Amino acid sequence: MIEANADWQPFGCDILPAPDAVRIACAGELDLAASEVLSARVDELLESGPARVILDLGGVTFLDSSGLRMVLEARTRAAGRGVPLTVAPGPPPVQRIFELTHTTELVFGEQH
């Protein structure tokens, strides 16, 4: 019998507007299915022309390669529109994927 992972939670994100930015607070597992959902949300936000976007990974419990790709592509799409996209770090297991792929500096730059 396979035990269910008690730490698992479905992916969700809340859009939290602020005067100078829009924050996307993510929670749960950022895997292939979730990255497609999040990518669509980021695109919707970019269409609305925010001054700045903050992608907050603080509540993310798992990040796979598709989630990593989504974060990298979102930064590129935002930059193409002239919108700064800042990524707020996740917990240590999530940050590990950035370290293993040598993308920490690229994603977090001076903020990390």
N, C-alpha and C. Protein backbone atom coordinates (compact mmCIF):
# COMPACT_ATOMS: atom_id res chain seq x y z
N MET A 1 0.83 -1.17 0.00
CA MET A 1 0.00 0.00 0.00
C MET A 1 0.89 1.25 0.00
N ILE A 2 0.56 2.19 -0.85
CA ILE A 2 1.32 3.44 -0.94
C ILE A 2 0.65 4.47 -0.04
N GLU A 3 1.47 5.09 0.81
CA GLU A 3 0.95 6.14 1.68
C GLU A 3 0.91 7.47 0.95
N ALA A 4 -0.14 8.22 1.21
CA ALA A 4 -0.22 9.57 0.63
C ALA A 4 0.74 10.49 1.37
N ASN A 5 1.30 11.43 0.65
CA ASN A 5 2.20 12.40 1.25
C ASN A 5 1.38 13.41 2.06
N ALA A 6 1.57 13.41 3.35
CA ALA A 6 0.79 14.30 4.23
C ALA A 6 1.11 15.77 3.98
N ASP A 7 2.28 16.06 3.38
CA ASP A 7 2.67 17.45 3.13
C ASP A 7 2.12 17.99 1.81
N TRP A 8 1.56 17.12 0.99
CA TRP A 8 1.09 17.54 -0.33
C TRP A 8 -0.07 18.51 -0.19
N GLN A 9 -0.04 19.56 -1.01
CA GLN A 9 -1.19 20.45 -1.12
C GLN A 9 -1.30 20.88 -2.57
N PRO A 10 -2.52 21.02 -3.07
CA PRO A 10 -2.67 21.44 -4.47
C PRO A 10 -2.15 22.86 -4.66
N PHE A 11 -1.79 23.15 -5.90
CA PHE A 11 -1.26 24.47 -6.20
C PHE A 11 -2.38 25.50 -6.21
N GLY A 12 -2.04 26.67 -5.75
CA GLY A 12 -2.96 27.80 -5.81
C GLY A 12 -2.15 29.08 -5.80
N CYS A 13 -2.75 30.13 -6.29
CA CYS A 13 -2.08 31.43 -6.22
C CYS A 13 -3.11 32.52 -6.01
N ASP A 14 -2.73 33.46 -5.19
CA ASP A 14 -3.56 34.63 -4.92
C ASP A 14 -2.89 35.84 -5.55
N ILE A 15 -3.69 36.67 -6.17
CA ILE A 15 -3.20 37.91 -6.75
C ILE A 15 -3.49 39.02 -5.74
N LEU A 16 -2.44 39.66 -5.27
CA LEU A 16 -2.56 40.68 -4.22
C LEU A 16 -2.06 42.02 -4.75
N PRO A 17 -2.98 42.90 -5.15
CA PRO A 17 -2.54 44.20 -5.65
C PRO A 17 -2.01 45.08 -4.53
N ALA A 18 -1.03 45.88 -4.87
CA ALA A 18 -0.45 46.86 -3.95
C ALA A 18 -0.24 48.14 -4.76
N PRO A 19 0.01 49.26 -4.10
CA PRO A 19 0.16 50.52 -4.84
C PRO A 19 1.26 50.50 -5.91
N ASP A 20 2.38 49.85 -5.64
CA ASP A 20 3.50 49.89 -6.58
C ASP A 20 3.79 48.57 -7.28
N ALA A 21 2.99 47.52 -6.98
CA ALA A 21 3.26 46.20 -7.57
C ALA A 21 2.04 45.31 -7.44
N VAL A 22 2.07 44.22 -8.17
CA VAL A 22 1.09 43.16 -8.01
C VAL A 22 1.86 41.94 -7.55
N ARG A 23 1.42 41.35 -6.45
CA ARG A 23 2.10 40.18 -5.88
C ARG A 23 1.29 38.93 -6.20
N ILE A 24 1.98 37.92 -6.72
CA ILE A 24 1.36 36.62 -6.95
C ILE A 24 1.90 35.70 -5.85
N ALA A 25 1.06 35.40 -4.88
CA ALA A 25 1.46 34.54 -3.76
C ALA A 25 1.10 33.10 -4.10
N CYS A 26 2.11 32.28 -4.30
CA CYS A 26 1.92 30.89 -4.71
C CYS A 26 2.01 29.96 -3.51
N ALA A 27 1.24 28.88 -3.57
CA ALA A 27 1.28 27.86 -2.53
C ALA A 27 1.05 26.50 -3.16
N GLY A 28 1.68 25.48 -2.58
CA GLY A 28 1.50 24.12 -3.07
C GLY A 28 2.61 23.70 -4.01
N GLU A 29 2.32 22.69 -4.82
CA GLU A 29 3.32 22.10 -5.71
C GLU A 29 3.30 22.76 -7.07
N LEU A 30 4.42 23.34 -7.45
CA LEU A 30 4.55 23.99 -8.75
C LEU A 30 5.18 22.99 -9.72
N ASP A 31 4.29 22.17 -10.31
CA ASP A 31 4.71 21.14 -11.25
C ASP A 31 4.20 21.50 -12.64
N LEU A 32 4.19 20.53 -13.56
CA LEU A 32 3.81 20.80 -14.94
C LEU A 32 2.42 21.42 -15.06
N ALA A 33 1.43 20.80 -14.45
CA ALA A 33 0.05 21.31 -14.54
C ALA A 33 -0.06 22.70 -13.91
N ALA A 34 0.54 22.87 -12.75
CA ALA A 34 0.47 24.15 -12.04
C ALA A 34 1.22 25.24 -12.79
N SER A 35 2.35 24.89 -13.41
CA SER A 35 3.12 25.91 -14.11
C SER A 35 2.34 26.46 -15.30
N GLU A 36 1.52 25.65 -15.94
CA GLU A 36 0.69 26.13 -17.04
C GLU A 36 -0.36 27.12 -16.52
N VAL A 37 -0.95 26.81 -15.38
CA VAL A 37 -1.93 27.70 -14.76
C VAL A 37 -1.27 29.02 -14.36
N LEU A 38 -0.12 28.93 -13.69
CA LEU A 38 0.58 30.13 -13.24
C LEU A 38 1.05 30.97 -14.41
N SER A 39 1.53 30.34 -15.45
CA SER A 39 1.98 31.07 -16.64
C SER A 39 0.84 31.88 -17.22
N ALA A 40 -0.35 31.30 -17.30
CA ALA A 40 -1.51 32.01 -17.82
C ALA A 40 -1.87 33.19 -16.92
N ARG A 41 -1.78 33.03 -15.61
CA ARG A 41 -2.06 34.12 -14.67
C ARG A 41 -1.06 35.26 -14.83
N VAL A 42 0.20 34.90 -14.98
CA VAL A 42 1.24 35.92 -15.18
C VAL A 42 0.96 36.70 -16.47
N ASP A 43 0.62 35.99 -17.54
CA ASP A 43 0.32 36.65 -18.81
C ASP A 43 -0.87 37.60 -18.67
N GLU A 44 -1.92 37.18 -17.95
CA GLU A 44 -3.07 38.04 -17.72
C GLU A 44 -2.65 39.32 -16.99
N LEU A 45 -1.81 39.15 -15.98
CA LEU A 45 -1.34 40.31 -15.23
C LEU A 45 -0.51 41.24 -16.10
N LEU A 46 0.37 40.68 -16.89
CA LEU A 46 1.21 41.51 -17.76
C LEU A 46 0.37 42.29 -18.76
N GLU A 47 -0.73 41.69 -19.21
CA GLU A 47 -1.63 42.40 -20.14
C GLU A 47 -2.24 43.63 -19.49
N SER A 48 -2.44 43.58 -18.16
CA SER A 48 -3.07 44.71 -17.47
C SER A 48 -2.10 45.86 -17.21
N GLY A 49 -0.82 45.66 -17.51
CA GLY A 49 0.17 46.73 -17.41
C GLY A 49 0.57 47.15 -16.01
N PRO A 50 0.91 46.20 -15.13
CA PRO A 50 1.33 46.60 -13.79
C PRO A 50 2.70 47.28 -13.82
N ALA A 51 2.98 48.08 -12.81
CA ALA A 51 4.29 48.73 -12.71
C ALA A 51 5.37 47.70 -12.40
N ARG A 52 5.01 46.69 -11.60
CA ARG A 52 5.97 45.67 -11.18
C ARG A 52 5.19 44.44 -10.74
N VAL A 53 5.78 43.27 -10.92
CA VAL A 53 5.18 42.01 -10.48
C VAL A 53 6.14 41.33 -9.52
N ILE A 54 5.59 40.81 -8.44
CA ILE A 54 6.37 40.03 -7.49
C ILE A 54 5.81 38.61 -7.51
N LEU A 55 6.63 37.66 -7.86
CA LEU A 55 6.25 36.25 -7.84
C LEU A 55 6.78 35.66 -6.54
N ASP A 56 5.90 35.42 -5.60
CA ASP A 56 6.27 34.99 -4.26
C ASP A 56 6.17 33.46 -4.15
N LEU A 57 7.32 32.81 -4.04
CA LEU A 57 7.39 31.35 -3.94
C LEU A 57 7.39 30.87 -2.49
N GLY A 58 7.14 31.75 -1.54
CA GLY A 58 7.21 31.42 -0.13
C GLY A 58 6.34 30.26 0.32
N GLY A 59 5.20 30.06 -0.33
CA GLY A 59 4.31 28.97 0.05
C GLY A 59 4.43 27.74 -0.82
N VAL A 60 5.37 27.74 -1.75
CA VAL A 60 5.55 26.61 -2.66
C VAL A 60 6.25 25.48 -1.90
N THR A 61 5.69 24.29 -1.98
CA THR A 61 6.25 23.13 -1.27
C THR A 61 7.10 22.24 -2.15
N PHE A 62 6.97 22.39 -3.47
CA PHE A 62 7.70 21.55 -4.42
C PHE A 62 7.82 22.31 -5.72
N LEU A 63 8.98 22.24 -6.35
CA LEU A 63 9.21 22.89 -7.64
C LEU A 63 9.97 21.91 -8.52
N ASP A 64 9.40 21.59 -9.69
CA ASP A 64 10.12 20.70 -10.60
C ASP A 64 10.67 21.52 -11.77
N SER A 65 11.23 20.84 -12.76
CA SER A 65 11.88 21.54 -13.87
C SER A 65 10.89 22.39 -14.67
N SER A 66 9.63 21.96 -14.77
CA SER A 66 8.65 22.76 -15.49
C SER A 66 8.33 24.04 -14.73
N GLY A 67 8.32 23.96 -13.41
CA GLY A 67 8.12 25.15 -12.59
C GLY A 67 9.29 26.11 -12.74
N LEU A 68 10.49 25.56 -12.75
CA LEU A 68 11.69 26.38 -12.95
C LEU A 68 11.63 27.07 -14.31
N ARG A 69 11.29 26.32 -15.34
CA ARG A 69 11.19 26.88 -16.69
C ARG A 69 10.14 28.01 -16.72
N MET A 70 9.00 27.80 -16.04
CA MET A 70 7.95 28.81 -16.00
C MET A 70 8.45 30.10 -15.37
N VAL A 71 9.20 30.00 -14.28
CA VAL A 71 9.74 31.19 -13.61
C VAL A 71 10.69 31.93 -14.55
N LEU A 72 11.58 31.19 -15.20
CA LEU A 72 12.54 31.81 -16.12
C LEU A 72 11.83 32.48 -17.29
N GLU A 73 10.84 31.80 -17.87
CA GLU A 73 10.12 32.36 -19.01
C GLU A 73 9.27 33.56 -18.60
N ALA A 74 8.69 33.53 -17.41
CA ALA A 74 7.89 34.66 -16.93
C ALA A 74 8.75 35.90 -16.80
N ARG A 75 9.96 35.73 -16.29
CA ARG A 75 10.88 36.88 -16.16
C ARG A 75 11.20 37.44 -17.55
N THR A 76 11.41 36.57 -18.51
CA THR A 76 11.72 37.01 -19.87
C THR A 76 10.53 37.75 -20.50
N ARG A 77 9.33 37.19 -20.34
CA ARG A 77 8.13 37.84 -20.91
C ARG A 77 7.89 39.20 -20.26
N ALA A 78 8.07 39.27 -18.95
CA ALA A 78 7.87 40.54 -18.24
C ALA A 78 8.89 41.57 -18.72
N ALA A 79 10.14 41.16 -18.82
CA ALA A 79 11.19 42.08 -19.28
C ALA A 79 10.89 42.58 -20.69
N GLY A 80 10.35 41.72 -21.53
CA GLY A 80 9.98 42.11 -22.88
C GLY A 80 8.90 43.17 -22.92
N ARG A 81 8.12 43.25 -21.87
CA ARG A 81 7.06 44.25 -21.76
C ARG A 81 7.50 45.46 -20.93
N GLY A 82 8.75 45.41 -20.47
CA GLY A 82 9.26 46.51 -19.66
C GLY A 82 8.74 46.51 -18.23
N VAL A 83 8.30 45.33 -17.76
CA VAL A 83 7.76 45.20 -16.41
C VAL A 83 8.75 44.40 -15.56
N PRO A 84 9.28 45.00 -14.50
CA PRO A 84 10.17 44.24 -13.63
C PRO A 84 9.41 43.11 -12.94
N LEU A 85 9.95 41.91 -12.97
CA LEU A 85 9.37 40.78 -12.27
C LEU A 85 10.40 40.30 -11.25
N THR A 86 10.05 40.45 -9.99
CA THR A 86 10.92 40.04 -8.90
C THR A 86 10.41 38.72 -8.36
N VAL A 87 11.32 37.81 -8.04
CA VAL A 87 10.94 36.52 -7.47
C VAL A 87 11.34 36.51 -6.00
N ALA A 88 10.35 36.27 -5.14
CA ALA A 88 10.61 36.12 -3.71
C ALA A 88 10.90 34.65 -3.45
N PRO A 89 12.00 34.34 -2.76
CA PRO A 89 12.43 32.95 -2.57
C PRO A 89 11.41 32.07 -1.87
N GLY A 90 11.51 30.78 -2.17
CA GLY A 90 10.71 29.78 -1.50
C GLY A 90 11.49 29.16 -0.35
N PRO A 91 10.91 28.14 0.28
CA PRO A 91 11.62 27.46 1.36
C PRO A 91 12.84 26.68 0.82
N PRO A 92 13.72 26.24 1.71
CA PRO A 92 14.96 25.58 1.27
C PRO A 92 14.80 24.47 0.22
N PRO A 93 13.83 23.56 0.34
CA PRO A 93 13.73 22.54 -0.71
C PRO A 93 13.42 23.12 -2.09
N VAL A 94 12.67 24.21 -2.14
CA VAL A 94 12.37 24.86 -3.41
C VAL A 94 13.60 25.59 -3.94
N GLN A 95 14.30 26.28 -3.06
CA GLN A 95 15.49 27.01 -3.47
C GLN A 95 16.57 26.07 -4.00
N ARG A 96 16.55 24.84 -3.54
CA ARG A 96 17.56 23.86 -3.94
C ARG A 96 17.58 23.65 -5.46
N ILE A 97 16.42 23.68 -6.10
CA ILE A 97 16.38 23.48 -7.56
C ILE A 97 17.11 24.61 -8.28
N PHE A 98 17.01 25.83 -7.76
CA PHE A 98 17.74 26.95 -8.36
C PHE A 98 19.25 26.77 -8.16
N GLU A 99 19.63 26.28 -6.98
CA GLU A 99 21.05 26.05 -6.70
C GLU A 99 21.60 24.94 -7.60
N LEU A 100 20.86 23.84 -7.72
CA LEU A 100 21.33 22.70 -8.52
C LEU A 100 21.46 23.04 -10.01
N THR A 101 20.62 23.95 -10.47
CA THR A 101 20.65 24.32 -11.89
C THR A 101 21.46 25.59 -12.14
N HIS A 102 22.09 26.11 -11.10
CA HIS A 102 22.93 27.32 -11.21
C HIS A 102 22.15 28.49 -11.79
N THR A 103 20.88 28.62 -11.37
CA THR A 103 20.05 29.74 -11.83
C THR A 103 19.70 30.70 -10.69
N THR A 104 20.26 30.51 -9.51
CA THR A 104 19.95 31.37 -8.37
C THR A 104 20.25 32.82 -8.68
N GLU A 105 21.44 33.09 -9.18
CA GLU A 105 21.84 34.48 -9.50
C GLU A 105 20.95 35.05 -10.60
N LEU A 106 20.64 34.25 -11.59
CA LEU A 106 19.81 34.70 -12.70
C LEU A 106 18.41 35.08 -12.22
N VAL A 107 17.82 34.26 -11.37
CA VAL A 107 16.45 34.48 -10.91
C VAL A 107 16.38 35.51 -9.80
N PHE A 108 17.29 35.42 -8.85
CA PHE A 108 17.20 36.27 -7.66
C PHE A 108 18.19 37.42 -7.67
N GLY A 109 19.22 37.35 -8.48
CA GLY A 109 20.20 38.43 -8.61
C GLY A 109 20.72 38.91 -7.29
N GLU A 110 20.71 40.20 -7.13
CA GLU A 110 21.24 40.85 -5.92
C GLU A 110 20.34 40.65 -4.72
N GLN A 111 19.08 40.31 -4.95
CA GLN A 111 18.13 40.20 -3.84
C GLN A 111 18.37 38.97 -2.97
N HIS A 112 19.12 37.99 -3.48
CA HIS A 112 19.28 36.73 -2.74
C HIS A 112 20.47 36.78 -1.81
